[in-house]
């Protein structure tokens, strides 16, 4: 059986090594480009999530502003409330502290106290 022998010189070995290096580099670059595509998709997803979150933050900030405005509108003017209370307090004290008795009998006093308590609890008279 005849034997086949290949005899290569140094130049041929260098060419083969360069071809192997270029093929390996090509496969490596291809795998990196696939990674880049995946990373770009991931970045696009993250950007979309950020936009959604920014929209939610804007909506929440607007809701807080509306609530703050409603609180300001519904807030009591404390100085005016205190002044009004100072004006009405003597009338209230006088209204409930004065018991009008027709005579000195116990029944008359009891009826007068009941009328005052009814006025206090029911607010009628």
PDB file of N, CA and C in Angstrom:
ATOM      1  N   UNK A   1       0.832  -1.142   0.000  1.00  0.00           N
ATOM      2  CA  UNK A   1       0.000   0.000   0.000  1.00  0.00           C
ATOM      3  C   UNK A   1       0.899   1.235   0.000  1.00  0.00           C
ATOM      4  N   UNK A   2       0.598   2.117  -0.929  1.00  0.00           N
ATOM      5  CA  UNK A   2       1.458   3.281  -1.021  1.00  0.00           C
ATOM      6  C   UNK A   2       1.156   4.257   0.106  1.00  0.00           C
ATOM      7  N   UNK A   3       2.102   4.879   0.637  1.00  0.00           N
ATOM      8  CA  UNK A   3       1.900   5.847   1.705  1.00  0.00           C
ATOM      9  C   UNK A   3       1.897   7.247   1.115  1.00  0.00           C
ATOM     10  N   UNK A   4       1.039   8.026   1.662  1.00  0.00           N
ATOM     11  CA  UNK A   4       0.925   9.407   1.199  1.00  0.00           C
ATOM     12  C   UNK A   4       1.586  10.278   2.259  1.00  0.00           C
ATOM     13  N   UNK A   5       2.499  11.020   1.864  1.00  0.00           N
ATOM     14  CA  UNK A   5       3.142  11.894   2.828  1.00  0.00           C
ATOM     15  C   UNK A   5       3.019  13.328   2.340  1.00  0.00           C
ATOM     16  N   UNK A   6       2.750  14.175   3.267  1.00  0.00           N
ATOM     17  CA  UNK A   6       2.645  15.592   2.967  1.00  0.00           C
ATOM     18  C   UNK A   6       3.856  16.279   3.564  1.00  0.00           C
ATOM     19  N   UNK A   7       4.439  17.027   2.808  1.00  0.00           N
ATOM     20  CA  UNK A   7       5.569  17.784   3.300  1.00  0.00           C
ATOM     21  C   UNK A   7       5.221  19.251   3.136  1.00  0.00           C
ATOM     22  N   UNK A   8       5.168  19.916   4.247  1.00  0.00           N
ATOM     23  CA  UNK A   8       4.828  21.334   4.237  1.00  0.00           C
ATOM     24  C   UNK A   8       6.049  22.126   4.663  1.00  0.00           C
ATOM     25  N   UNK A   9       6.134  23.252   4.085  1.00  0.00           N
ATOM     26  CA  UNK A   9       7.213  24.122   4.525  1.00  0.00           C
ATOM     27  C   UNK A   9       6.660  25.095   5.566  1.00  0.00           C
ATOM     28  N   UNK A  10       7.459  25.920   6.114  1.00  0.00           N
ATOM     29  CA  UNK A  10       7.080  26.835   7.183  1.00  0.00           C
ATOM     30  C   UNK A  10       6.003  27.813   6.734  1.00  0.00           C
ATOM     31  N   UNK A  11       6.076  28.261   5.518  1.00  0.00           N
ATOM     32  CA  UNK A  11       5.097  29.194   4.961  1.00  0.00           C
ATOM     33  C   UNK A  11       3.692  28.570   4.996  1.00  0.00           C
ATOM     34  N   UNK A  12       3.587  27.307   4.631  1.00  0.00           N
ATOM     35  CA  UNK A  12       2.301  26.629   4.614  1.00  0.00           C
ATOM     36  C   UNK A  12       1.746  26.518   6.023  1.00  0.00           C
ATOM     37  N   UNK A  13       2.560  26.211   6.987  1.00  0.00           N
ATOM     38  CA  UNK A  13       2.112  26.125   8.370  1.00  0.00           C
ATOM     39  C   UNK A  13       1.608  27.492   8.873  1.00  0.00           C
ATOM     40  N   UNK A  14       2.283  28.510   8.472  1.00  0.00           N
ATOM     41  CA  UNK A  14       1.847  29.855   8.871  1.00  0.00           C
ATOM     42  C   UNK A  14       0.495  30.167   8.240  1.00  0.00           C
ATOM     43  N   UNK A  15       0.304  29.826   6.974  1.00  0.00           N
ATOM     44  CA  UNK A  15      -0.987  30.058   6.311  1.00  0.00           C
ATOM     45  C   UNK A  15      -2.107  29.271   6.999  1.00  0.00           C
ATOM     46  N   UNK A  16      -1.822  28.032   7.337  1.00  0.00           N
ATOM     47  CA  UNK A  16      -2.839  27.202   8.014  1.00  0.00           C
ATOM     48  C   UNK A  16      -3.156  27.807   9.388  1.00  0.00           C
ATOM     49  N   UNK A  17      -2.148  28.239  10.103  1.00  0.00           N
ATOM     50  CA  UNK A  17      -2.373  28.852  11.420  1.00  0.00           C
ATOM     51  C   UNK A  17      -3.206  30.128  11.286  1.00  0.00           C
ATOM     52  N   UNK A  18      -2.903  30.941  10.282  1.00  0.00           N
ATOM     53  CA  UNK A  18      -3.676  32.177  10.064  1.00  0.00           C
ATOM     54  C   UNK A  18      -5.131  31.873   9.709  1.00  0.00           C
ATOM     55  N   UNK A  19      -5.355  30.853   8.888  1.00  0.00           N
ATOM     56  CA  UNK A  19      -6.725  30.472   8.530  1.00  0.00           C
ATOM     57  C   UNK A  19      -7.476  30.022   9.774  1.00  0.00           C
ATOM     58  N   UNK A  20      -6.841  29.227  10.630  1.00  0.00           N
ATOM     59  CA  UNK A  20      -7.477  28.759  11.860  1.00  0.00           C
ATOM     60  C   UNK A  20      -7.776  29.945  12.775  1.00  0.00           C
ATOM     61  N   UNK A  21      -6.826  30.862  12.885  1.00  0.00           N
ATOM     62  CA  UNK A  21      -7.032  32.037  13.732  1.00  0.00           C
ATOM     63  C   UNK A  21      -8.185  32.887  13.203  1.00  0.00           C
ATOM     64  N   UNK A  22      -8.216  33.116  11.889  1.00  0.00           N
ATOM     65  CA  UNK A  22      -9.294  33.925  11.312  1.00  0.00           C
ATOM     66  C   UNK A  22     -10.656  33.247  11.457  1.00  0.00           C
ATOM     67  N   UNK A  23     -10.714  31.931  11.268  1.00  0.00           N
ATOM     68  CA  UNK A  23     -11.986  31.218  11.445  1.00  0.00           C
ATOM     69  C   UNK A  23     -12.434  31.270  12.905  1.00  0.00           C
ATOM     70  N   UNK A  24     -11.510  31.042  13.813  1.00  0.00           N
ATOM     71  CA  UNK A  24     -11.843  31.117  15.239  1.00  0.00           C
ATOM     72  C   UNK A  24     -12.278  32.524  15.625  1.00  0.00           C
ATOM     73  N   UNK A  25     -11.558  33.512  15.125  1.00  0.00           N
ATOM     74  CA  UNK A  25     -11.934  34.904  15.394  1.00  0.00           C
ATOM     75  C   UNK A  25     -13.305  35.237  14.819  1.00  0.00           C
ATOM     76  N   UNK A  26     -13.585  34.718  13.640  1.00  0.00           N
ATOM     77  CA  UNK A  26     -14.899  34.945  13.026  1.00  0.00           C
ATOM     78  C   UNK A  26     -16.021  34.363  13.867  1.00  0.00           C
ATOM     79  N   UNK A  27     -15.817  33.127  14.353  1.00  0.00           N
ATOM     80  CA  UNK A  27     -16.839  32.519  15.219  1.00  0.00           C
ATOM     81  C   UNK A  27     -16.994  33.307  16.520  1.00  0.00           C
ATOM     82  N   UNK A  28     -15.867  33.776  17.054  1.00  0.00           N
ATOM     83  CA  UNK A  28     -15.915  34.551  18.299  1.00  0.00           C
ATOM     84  C   UNK A  28     -16.650  35.873  18.078  1.00  0.00           C
ATOM     85  N   UNK A  29     -16.346  36.532  16.979  1.00  0.00           N
ATOM     86  CA  UNK A  29     -17.025  37.796  16.657  1.00  0.00           C
ATOM     87  C   UNK A  29     -18.508  37.558  16.426  1.00  0.00           C
ATOM     88  N   UNK A  30     -18.859  36.457  15.780  1.00  0.00           N
ATOM     89  CA  UNK A  30     -20.273  36.129  15.551  1.00  0.00           C
ATOM     90  C   UNK A  30     -20.988  35.927  16.879  1.00  0.00           C
ATOM     91  N   UNK A  31     -20.341  35.229  17.830  1.00  0.00           N
ATOM     92  CA  UNK A  31     -20.984  35.022  19.132  1.00  0.00           C
ATOM     93  C   UNK A  31     -21.116  36.341  19.874  1.00  0.00           C
ATOM     94  N   UNK A  32     -20.120  37.232  19.731  1.00  0.00           N
ATOM     95  CA  UNK A  32     -20.218  38.546  20.356  1.00  0.00           C
ATOM     96  C   UNK A  32     -21.340  39.377  19.736  1.00  0.00           C
ATOM     97  N   UNK A  33     -21.511  39.276  18.423  1.00  0.00           N
ATOM     98  CA  UNK A  33     -22.583  40.048  17.788  1.00  0.00           C
ATOM     99  C   UNK A  33     -23.954  39.540  18.240  1.00  0.00           C
ATOM    100  N   UNK A  34     -24.084  38.251  18.477  1.00  0.00           N
ATOM    101  CA  UNK A  34     -25.338  37.720  19.029  1.00  0.00           C
ATOM    102  C   UNK A  34     -25.571  38.264  20.428  1.00  0.00           C
ATOM    103  N   UNK A  35     -24.504  38.349  21.226  1.00  0.00           N
ATOM    104  CA  UNK A  35     -24.620  38.923  22.570  1.00  0.00           C
ATOM    105  C   UNK A  35     -25.021  40.396  22.486  1.00  0.00           C
ATOM    106  N   UNK A  36     -24.473  41.101  21.519  1.00  0.00           N
ATOM    107  CA  UNK A  36     -24.811  42.515  21.343  1.00  0.00           C
ATOM    108  C   UNK A  36     -26.278  42.668  20.997  1.00  0.00           C
ATOM    109  N   UNK A  37     -26.799  41.808  20.138  1.00  0.00           N
ATOM    110  CA  UNK A  37     -28.217  41.872  19.774  1.00  0.00           C
ATOM    111  C   UNK A  37     -29.084  41.636  21.011  1.00  0.00           C
ATOM    112  N   UNK A  38     -28.729  40.654  21.815  1.00  0.00           N
ATOM    113  CA  UNK A  38     -29.485  40.377  23.034  1.00  0.00           C
ATOM    114  C   UNK A  38     -29.409  41.547  24.015  1.00  0.00           C
ATOM    115  N   UNK A  39     -28.225  42.137  24.151  1.00  0.00           N
ATOM    116  CA  UNK A  39     -28.081  43.282  25.045  1.00  0.00           C
ATOM    117  C   UNK A  39     -28.875  44.489  24.550  1.00  0.00           C
ATOM    118  N   UNK A  40     -28.928  44.705  23.244  1.00  0.00           N
ATOM    119  CA  UNK A  40     -29.724  45.812  22.699  1.00  0.00           C
ATOM    120  C   UNK A  40     -31.210  45.606  22.965  1.00  0.00           C
ATOM    121  N   UNK A  41     -31.672  44.354  22.850  1.00  0.00           N
ATOM    122  CA  UNK A  41     -33.074  44.056  23.175  1.00  0.00           C
ATOM    123  C   UNK A  41     -33.334  44.315  24.654  1.00  0.00           C
ATOM    124  N   UNK A  42     -32.397  43.911  25.494  1.00  0.00           N
ATOM    125  CA  UNK A  42     -32.539  44.124  26.929  1.00  0.00           C
ATOM    126  C   UNK A  42     -32.570  45.620  27.250  1.00  0.00           C
ATOM    127  N   UNK A  43     -31.717  46.392  26.581  1.00  0.00           N
ATOM    128  CA  UNK A  43     -31.709  47.843  26.787  1.00  0.00           C
ATOM    129  C   UNK A  43     -33.031  48.452  26.347  1.00  0.00           C
ATOM    130  N   UNK A  44     -33.572  47.997  25.229  1.00  0.00           N
ATOM    131  CA  UNK A  44     -34.862  48.517  24.749  1.00  0.00           C
ATOM    132  C   UNK A  44     -35.968  48.202  25.752  1.00  0.00           C
ATOM    133  N   UNK A  45     -35.937  47.003  26.319  1.00  0.00           N
ATOM    134  CA  UNK A  45     -36.932  46.631  27.327  1.00  0.00           C
ATOM    135  C   UNK A  45     -36.795  47.505  28.569  1.00  0.00           C
ATOM    136  N   UNK A  46     -35.553  47.721  28.993  1.00  0.00           N
ATOM    137  CA  UNK A  46     -35.317  48.563  30.171  1.00  0.00           C
ATOM    138  C   UNK A  46     -35.753  50.000  29.899  1.00  0.00           C
ATOM    139  N   UNK A  47     -35.483  50.509  28.698  1.00  0.00           N
ATOM    140  CA  UNK A  47     -35.908  51.865  28.344  1.00  0.00           C
ATOM    141  C   UNK A  47     -37.431  51.994  28.382  1.00  0.00           C
ATOM    142  N   UNK A  48     -38.116  50.978  27.868  1.00  0.00           N
ATOM    143  CA  UNK A  48     -39.582  51.002  27.898  1.00  0.00           C
ATOM    144  C   UNK A  48     -40.091  50.981  29.333  1.00  0.00           C
ATOM    145  N   UNK A  49     -39.442  50.179  30.176  1.00  0.00           N
ATOM    146  CA  UNK A  49     -39.834  50.125  31.590  1.00  0.00           C
ATOM    147  C   UNK A  49     -39.602  51.472  32.268  1.00  0.00           C
ATOM    148  N   UNK A  50     -38.489  52.111  31.934  1.00  0.00           N
ATOM    149  CA  UNK A  50     -38.199  53.431  32.510  1.00  0.00           C
ATOM    150  C   UNK A  50     -39.243  54.438  32.077  1.00  0.00           C
ATOM    151  N   UNK A  51     -39.647  54.407  30.813  1.00  0.00           N
ATOM    152  CA  UNK A  51     -40.677  55.331  30.326  1.00  0.00           C
ATOM    153  C   UNK A  51     -42.004  55.104  31.050  1.00  0.00           C
ATOM    154  N   UNK A  52     -42.347  53.854  31.270  1.00  0.00           N
ATOM    155  CA  UNK A  52     -43.587  53.540  31.988  1.00  0.00           C
ATOM    156  C   UNK A  52     -43.499  54.071  33.417  1.00  0.00           C
ATOM    157  N   UNK A  53     -42.370  53.823  34.071  1.00  0.00           N
ATOM    158  CA  UNK A  53     -42.190  54.300  35.448  1.00  0.00           C
ATOM    159  C   UNK A  53     -42.221  55.822  35.514  1.00  0.00           C
ATOM    160  N   UNK A  54     -41.598  56.486  34.538  1.00  0.00           N
ATOM    161  CA  UNK A  54     -41.636  57.948  34.511  1.00  0.00           C
ATOM    162  C   UNK A  54     -43.067  58.457  34.340  1.00  0.00           C
ATOM    163  N   UNK A  55     -43.842  57.776  33.509  1.00  0.00           N
ATOM    164  CA  UNK A  55     -45.255  58.139  33.358  1.00  0.00           C
ATOM    165  C   UNK A  55     -46.022  57.958  34.656  1.00  0.00           C
ATOM    166  N   UNK A  56     -45.737  56.867  35.362  1.00  0.00           N
ATOM    167  CA  UNK A  56     -46.399  56.636  36.642  1.00  0.00           C
ATOM    168  C   UNK A  56     -45.995  57.694  37.666  1.00  0.00           C
ATOM    169  N   UNK A  57     -44.728  58.056  37.669  1.00  0.00           N
ATOM    170  CA  UNK A  57     -44.262  59.084  38.602  1.00  0.00           C
ATOM    171  C   UNK A  57     -44.946  60.412  38.303  1.00  0.00           C
ATOM    172  N   UNK A  58     -45.061  60.746  37.027  1.00  0.00           N
ATOM    173  CA  UNK A  58     -45.729  61.990  36.644  1.00  0.00           C
ATOM    174  C   UNK A  58     -47.186  61.977  37.077  1.00  0.00           C
ATOM    175  N   UNK A  59     -47.855  60.850  36.875  1.00  0.00           N
ATOM    176  CA  UNK A  59     -49.261  60.743  37.276  1.00  0.00           C
ATOM    177  C   UNK A  59     -49.406  60.848  38.791  1.00  0.00           C
ATOM    178  N   UNK A  60     -48.517  60.210  39.527  1.00  0.00           N
ATOM    179  CA  UNK A  60     -48.584  60.275  40.991  1.00  0.00           C
ATOM    180  C   UNK A  60     -48.282  61.681  41.500  1.00  0.00           C
ATOM    181  N   UNK A  61     -47.328  62.355  40.864  1.00  0.00           N
ATOM    182  CA  UNK A  61     -47.015  63.726  41.272  1.00  0.00           C
ATOM    183  C   UNK A  61     -48.216  64.641  41.017  1.00  0.00           C
ATOM    184  N   UNK A  62     -48.890  64.428  39.905  1.00  0.00           N
ATOM    185  CA  UNK A  62     -50.087  65.225  39.615  1.00  0.00           C
ATOM    186  C   UNK A  62     -51.188  64.938  40.634  1.00  0.00           C
ATOM    187  N   UNK A  63     -51.336  63.672  41.020  1.00  0.00           N
ATOM    188  CA  UNK A  63     -52.343  63.318  42.027  1.00  0.00           C
ATOM    189  C   UNK A  63     -52.013  63.956  43.372  1.00  0.00           C
ATOM    190  N   UNK A  64     -50.743  63.964  43.732  1.00  0.00           N
ATOM    191  CA  UNK A  64     -50.337  64.595  44.995  1.00  0.00           C
ATOM    192  C   UNK A  64     -50.612  66.098  44.935  1.00  0.00           C
ATOM    193  N   UNK A  65     -50.332  66.709  43.798  1.00  0.00           N
ATOM    194  CA  UNK A  65     -50.608  68.143  43.648  1.00  0.00           C
ATOM    195  C   UNK A  65     -52.102  68.429  43.784  1.00  0.00           C
ATOM    196  N   UNK A  66     -52.935  67.579  43.162  1.00  0.00           N
ATOM    197  CA  UNK A  66     -54.394  67.767  43.281  1.00  0.00           C
ATOM    198  C   UNK A  66     -54.844  67.601  44.727  1.00  0.00           C
ATOM    199  N   UNK A  67     -54.302  66.598  45.412  1.00  0.00           N
ATOM    200  CA  UNK A  67     -54.662  66.393  46.817  1.00  0.00           C
ATOM    201  C   UNK A  67     -54.211  67.563  47.674  1.00  0.00           C
ATOM    202  N   UNK A  68     -53.024  68.068  47.415  1.00  0.00           N
ATOM    203  CA  UNK A  68     -52.531  69.212  48.184  1.00  0.00           C
ATOM    204  C   UNK A  68     -53.420  70.430  47.965  1.00  0.00           C
ATOM    205  N   UNK A  69     -53.836  70.630  46.726  1.00  0.00           N
ATOM    206  CA  UNK A  69     -54.719  71.761  46.425  1.00  0.00           C
ATOM    207  C   UNK A  69     -56.072  71.579  47.120  1.00  0.00           C
ATOM    208  N   UNK A  70     -56.594  70.350  47.113  1.00  0.00           N
ATOM    209  CA  UNK A  70     -57.869  70.089  47.792  1.00  0.00           C
ATOM    210  C   UNK A  70     -57.734  70.309  49.291  1.00  0.00           C
ATOM    211  N   UNK A  71     -56.607  69.899  49.859  1.00  0.00           N
ATOM    212  CA  UNK A  71     -56.387  70.105  51.295  1.00  0.00           C
ATOM    213  C   UNK A  71     -56.319  71.595  51.601  1.00  0.00           C
ATOM    214  N   UNK A  72     -55.649  72.361  50.751  1.00  0.00           N
ATOM    215  CA  UNK A  72     -55.573  73.807  50.965  1.00  0.00           C
ATOM    216  C   UNK A  72     -56.955  74.448  50.887  1.00  0.00           C
ATOM    217  N   UNK A  73     -57.764  73.983  49.938  1.00  0.00           N
ATOM    218  CA  UNK A  73     -59.105  74.548  49.793  1.00  0.00           C
ATOM    219  C   UNK A  73     -60.001  74.185  50.967  1.00  0.00           C
ATOM    220  N   UNK A  74     -59.814  73.001  51.518  1.00  0.00           N
ATOM    221  CA  UNK A  74     -60.668  72.545  52.614  1.00  0.00           C
ATOM    222  C   UNK A  74     -60.096  72.872  53.991  1.00  0.00           C
ATOM    223  N   UNK A  75     -58.928  73.454  54.034  1.00  0.00           N
ATOM    224  CA  UNK A  75     -58.306  73.774  55.316  1.00  0.00           C
ATOM    225  C   UNK A  75     -59.074  74.895  56.002  1.00  0.00           C
ATOM    226  N   UNK A  76     -59.122  74.812  57.292  1.00  0.00           N
ATOM    227  CA  UNK A  76     -59.789  75.838  58.076  1.00  0.00           C
ATOM    228  C   UNK A  76     -58.891  77.050  58.217  1.00  0.00           C
ATOM    229  N   UNK A  77     -59.512  78.184  58.182  1.00  0.00           N
ATOM    230  CA  UNK A  77     -58.781  79.394  58.524  1.00  0.00           C
ATOM    231  C   UNK A  77     -58.826  79.483  60.040  1.00  0.00           C
ATOM    232  N   UNK A  78     -57.728  79.102  60.683  1.00  0.00           N
ATOM    233  CA  UNK A  78     -57.749  78.959  62.138  1.00  0.00           C
ATOM    234  C   UNK A  78     -58.027  80.277  62.848  1.00  0.00           C
ATOM    235  N   UNK A  79     -57.488  81.363  62.343  1.00  0.00           N
ATOM    236  CA  UNK A  79     -57.721  82.650  63.003  1.00  0.00           C
ATOM    237  C   UNK A  79     -59.204  83.014  62.927  1.00  0.00           C
ATOM    238  N   UNK A  80     -59.805  82.835  61.759  1.00  0.00           N
ATOM    239  CA  UNK A  80     -61.230  83.137  61.618  1.00  0.00           C
ATOM    240  C   UNK A  80     -62.072  82.198  62.477  1.00  0.00           C
ATOM    241  N   UNK A  81     -61.674  80.912  62.552  1.00  0.00           N
ATOM    242  CA  UNK A  81     -62.421  79.954  63.362  1.00  0.00           C
ATOM    243  C   UNK A  81     -62.329  80.304  64.843  1.00  0.00           C
ATOM    244  N   UNK A  82     -61.149  80.704  65.288  1.00  0.00           N
ATOM    245  CA  UNK A  82     -60.979  81.073  66.703  1.00  0.00           C
ATOM    246  C   UNK A  82     -61.791  82.326  67.012  1.00  0.00           C
ATOM    247  N   UNK A  83     -61.779  83.301  66.110  1.00  0.00           N
ATOM    248  CA  UNK A  83     -62.561  84.525  66.320  1.00  0.00           C
ATOM    249  C   UNK A  83     -64.056  84.217  66.373  1.00  0.00           C
ATOM    250  N   UNK A  84     -64.501  83.340  65.478  1.00  0.00           N
ATOM    251  CA  UNK A  84     -65.925  82.974  65.458  1.00  0.00           C
ATOM    252  C   UNK A  84     -66.305  82.231  66.739  1.00  0.00           C
ATOM    253  N   UNK A  85     -65.424  81.336  67.184  1.00  0.00           N
ATOM    254  CA  UNK A  85     -65.679  80.597  68.412  1.00  0.00           C
ATOM    255  C   UNK A  85     -65.723  81.545  69.611  1.00  0.00           C
ATOM    256  N   UNK A  86     -64.855  82.539  69.623  1.00  0.00           N
ATOM    257  CA  UNK A  86     -64.845  83.508  70.723  1.00  0.00           C
ATOM    258  C   UNK A  86     -66.156  84.299  70.763  1.00  0.00           C
ATOM    259  N   UNK A  87     -66.739  84.546  69.598  1.00  0.00           N
ATOM    260  CA  UNK A  87     -68.012  85.278  69.548  1.00  0.00           C
ATOM    261  C   UNK A  87     -69.178  84.411  69.997  1.00  0.00           C
ATOM    262  N   UNK A  88     -69.169  83.131  69.607  1.00  0.00           N
ATOM    263  CA  UNK A  88     -70.315  82.267  69.896  1.00  0.00           C
ATOM    264  C   UNK A  88     -70.229  81.572  71.252  1.00  0.00           C
ATOM    265  N   UNK A  89     -69.029  81.451  71.839  1.00  0.00           N
ATOM    266  CA  UNK A  89     -68.873  80.745  73.112  1.00  0.00           C
ATOM    267  C   UNK A  89     -69.718  81.369  74.232  1.00  0.00           C
ATOM    268  N   UNK A  90     -69.742  82.690  74.438  1.00  0.00           N
ATOM    269  CA  UNK A  90     -70.581  83.239  75.512  1.00  0.00           C
ATOM    270  C   UNK A  90     -72.068  82.953  75.298  1.00  0.00           C
ATOM    271  N   UNK A  91     -72.504  82.968  74.044  1.00  0.00           N
ATOM    272  CA  UNK A  91     -73.912  82.665  73.755  1.00  0.00           C
ATOM    273  C   UNK A  91     -74.232  81.225  74.117  1.00  0.00           C
ATOM    274  N   UNK A  92     -73.319  80.313  73.807  1.00  0.00           N
ATOM    275  CA  UNK A  92     -73.535  78.897  74.119  1.00  0.00           C
ATOM    276  C   UNK A  92     -73.553  78.700  75.625  1.00  0.00           C
ATOM    277  N   UNK A  93     -72.600  79.299  76.319  1.00  0.00           N
ATOM    278  CA  UNK A  93     -72.546  79.159  77.781  1.00  0.00           C
ATOM    279  C   UNK A  93     -73.801  79.727  78.412  1.00  0.00           C
ATOM    280  N   UNK A  94     -74.215  80.876  77.939  1.00  0.00           N
ATOM    281  CA  UNK A  94     -75.412  81.505  78.495  1.00  0.00           C
ATOM    282  C   UNK A  94     -76.656  80.668  78.185  1.00  0.00           C
ATOM    283  N   UNK A  95     -76.707  80.118  76.993  1.00  0.00           N
ATOM    284  CA  UNK A  95     -77.866  79.345  76.562  1.00  0.00           C
ATOM    285  C   UNK A  95     -78.057  78.105  77.439  1.00  0.00           C
ATOM    286  N   UNK A  96     -76.960  77.443  77.816  1.00  0.00           N
ATOM    287  CA  UNK A  96     -77.072  76.200  78.562  1.00  0.00           C
ATOM    288  C   UNK A  96     -76.884  76.369  80.059  1.00  0.00           C
ATOM    289  N   UNK A  97     -76.358  77.490  80.516  1.00  0.00           N
ATOM    290  CA  UNK A  97     -76.158  77.639  81.953  1.00  0.00           C
ATOM    291  C   UNK A  97     -77.350  78.300  82.635  1.00  0.00           C
ATOM    292  N   UNK A  98     -78.194  78.935  81.893  1.00  0.00           N
ATOM    293  CA  UNK A  98     -79.352  79.597  82.486  1.00  0.00           C
ATOM    294  C   UNK A  98     -80.519  78.626  82.516  1.00  0.00           C
ATOM    295  N   UNK A  99     -80.949  78.303  83.702  1.00  0.00           N
ATOM    296  CA  UNK A  99     -82.122  77.446  83.867  1.00  0.00           C
ATOM    297  C   UNK A  99     -83.259  78.335  84.367  1.00  0.00           C
ATOM    298  N   UNK A 100     -84.293  78.396  83.575  1.00  0.00           N
ATOM    299  CA  UNK A 100     -85.420  79.254  83.924  1.00  0.00           C
ATOM    300  C   UNK A 100     -86.439  78.432  84.709  1.00  0.00           C
ATOM    301  N   UNK A 101     -86.623  78.808  85.955  1.00  0.00           N
ATOM    302  CA  UNK A 101     -87.527  78.070  86.844  1.00  0.00           C
ATOM    303  C   UNK A 101     -88.770  78.936  87.073  1.00  0.00           C
ATOM    304  N   UNK A 102     -89.949  78.310  86.926  1.00  0.00           N
ATOM    305  CA  UNK A 102     -91.201  79.052  87.107  1.00  0.00           C
ATOM    306  C   UNK A 102     -91.472  79.308  88.584  1.00  0.00           C
ATOM    307  N   UNK A 103     -91.213  78.307  89.394  1.00  0.00           N
ATOM    308  CA  UNK A 103     -91.378  78.467  90.849  1.00  0.00           C
ATOM    309  C   UNK A 103     -90.338  77.615  91.554  1.00  0.00           C
ATOM    310  N   UNK A 104     -90.404  77.582  92.892  1.00  0.00           N
ATOM    311  CA  UNK A 104     -89.377  76.886  93.665  1.00  0.00           C
ATOM    312  C   UNK A 104     -89.681  75.409  93.920  1.00  0.00           C
ATOM    313  N   UNK A 105     -90.711  74.858  93.327  1.00  0.00           N
ATOM    314  CA  UNK A 105     -91.032  73.456  93.592  1.00  0.00           C
ATOM    315  C   UNK A 105     -90.011  72.549  92.889  1.00  0.00           C
ATOM    316  N   UNK A 106     -89.858  71.358  93.411  1.00  0.00           N
ATOM    317  CA  UNK A 106     -88.900  70.397  92.860  1.00  0.00           C
ATOM    318  C   UNK A 106     -89.272  70.003  91.443  1.00  0.00           C
ATOM    319  N   UNK A 107     -90.579  69.833  91.235  1.00  0.00           N
ATOM    320  CA  UNK A 107     -91.023  69.438  89.904  1.00  0.00           C
ATOM    321  C   UNK A 107     -90.698  70.519  88.879  1.00  0.00           C
ATOM    322  N   UNK A 108     -90.870  71.763  89.228  1.00  0.00           N
ATOM    323  CA  UNK A 108     -90.574  72.862  88.313  1.00  0.00           C
ATOM    324  C   UNK A 108     -89.083  72.911  88.007  1.00  0.00           C
ATOM    325  N   UNK A 109     -88.259  72.703  89.047  1.00  0.00           N
ATOM    326  CA  UNK A 109     -86.815  72.691  88.823  1.00  0.00           C
ATOM    327  C   UNK A 109     -86.410  71.506  87.936  1.00  0.00           C
ATOM    328  N   UNK A 110     -87.014  70.344  88.187  1.00  0.00           N
ATOM    329  CA  UNK A 110     -86.721  69.170  87.385  1.00  0.00           C
ATOM    330  C   UNK A 110     -87.134  69.386  85.937  1.00  0.00           C
ATOM    331  N   UNK A 111     -88.320  69.965  85.731  1.00  0.00           N
ATOM    332  CA  UNK A 111     -88.779  70.244  84.364  1.00  0.00           C
ATOM    333  C   UNK A 111     -87.850  71.225  83.662  1.00  0.00           C
ATOM    334  N   UNK A 112     -87.373  72.234  84.384  1.00  0.00           N
ATOM    335  CA  UNK A 112     -86.468  73.218  83.794  1.00  0.00           C
ATOM    336  C   UNK A 112     -85.129  72.579  83.426  1.00  0.00           C
ATOM    337  N   UNK A 113     -84.625  71.692  84.281  1.00  0.00           N
ATOM    338  CA  UNK A 113     -83.363  71.005  83.968  1.00  0.00           C
ATOM    339  C   UNK A 113     -83.531  70.074  82.777  1.00  0.00           C
ATOM    340  N   UNK A 114     -84.680  69.356  82.737  1.00  0.00           N
ATOM    341  CA  UNK A 114     -84.942  68.485  81.590  1.00  0.00           C
ATOM    342  C   UNK A 114     -85.047  69.287  80.303  1.00  0.00           C
ATOM    343  N   UNK A 115     -85.679  70.429  80.350  1.00  0.00           N
ATOM    344  CA  UNK A 115     -85.792  71.282  79.162  1.00  0.00           C
ATOM    345  C   UNK A 115     -84.413  71.758  78.717  1.00  0.00           C
ATOM    346  N   UNK A 116     -83.552  72.119  79.680  1.00  0.00           N
ATOM    347  CA  UNK A 116     -82.196  72.559  79.339  1.00  0.00           C
ATOM    348  C   UNK A 116     -81.388  71.419  78.734  1.00  0.00           C
ATOM    349  N   UNK A 117     -81.510  70.206  79.317  1.00  0.00           N
ATOM    350  CA  UNK A 117     -80.792  69.050  78.768  1.00  0.00           C
ATOM    351  C   UNK A 117     -81.308  68.687  77.386  1.00  0.00           C
ATOM    352  N   UNK A 118     -82.631  68.774  77.223  1.00  0.00           N
ATOM    353  CA  UNK A 118     -83.185  68.524  75.890  1.00  0.00           C
ATOM    354  C   UNK A 118     -82.629  69.543  74.891  1.00  0.00           C
ATOM    355  N   UNK A 119     -82.558  70.774  75.303  1.00  0.00           N
ATOM    356  CA  UNK A 119     -82.007  71.814  74.429  1.00  0.00           C
ATOM    357  C   UNK A 119     -80.544  71.516  74.090  1.00  0.00           C
ATOM    358  N   UNK A 120     -79.808  71.044  75.100  1.00  0.00           N
ATOM    359  CA  UNK A 120     -78.401  70.732  74.881  1.00  0.00           C
ATOM    360  C   UNK A 120     -78.215  69.565  73.905  1.00  0.00           C
ATOM    361  N   UNK A 121     -78.962  68.467  74.159  1.00  0.00           N
ATOM    362  CA  UNK A 121     -78.772  67.274  73.346  1.00  0.00           C
ATOM    363  C   UNK A 121     -79.462  67.353  71.983  1.00  0.00           C
ATOM    364  N   UNK A 122     -80.633  67.932  71.950  1.00  0.00           N
ATOM    365  CA  UNK A 122     -81.399  67.971  70.703  1.00  0.00           C
ATOM    366  C   UNK A 122     -81.187  69.267  69.936  1.00  0.00           C
ATOM    367  N   UNK A 123     -80.792  70.324  70.621  1.00  0.00           N
ATOM    368  CA  UNK A 123     -80.535  71.588  69.965  1.00  0.00           C
ATOM    369  C   UNK A 123     -81.779  72.289  69.501  1.00  0.00           C
ATOM    370  N   UNK A 124     -82.882  72.093  70.174  1.00  0.00           N
ATOM    371  CA  UNK A 124     -84.137  72.748  69.770  1.00  0.00           C
ATOM    372  C   UNK A 124     -84.655  73.610  70.879  1.00  0.00           C
ATOM    373  N   UNK A 125     -85.287  74.670  70.539  1.00  0.00           N
ATOM    374  CA  UNK A 125     -86.054  75.504  71.441  1.00  0.00           C
ATOM    375  C   UNK A 125     -86.449  76.760  70.746  1.00  0.00           C
TER     376      UNK A 125
END
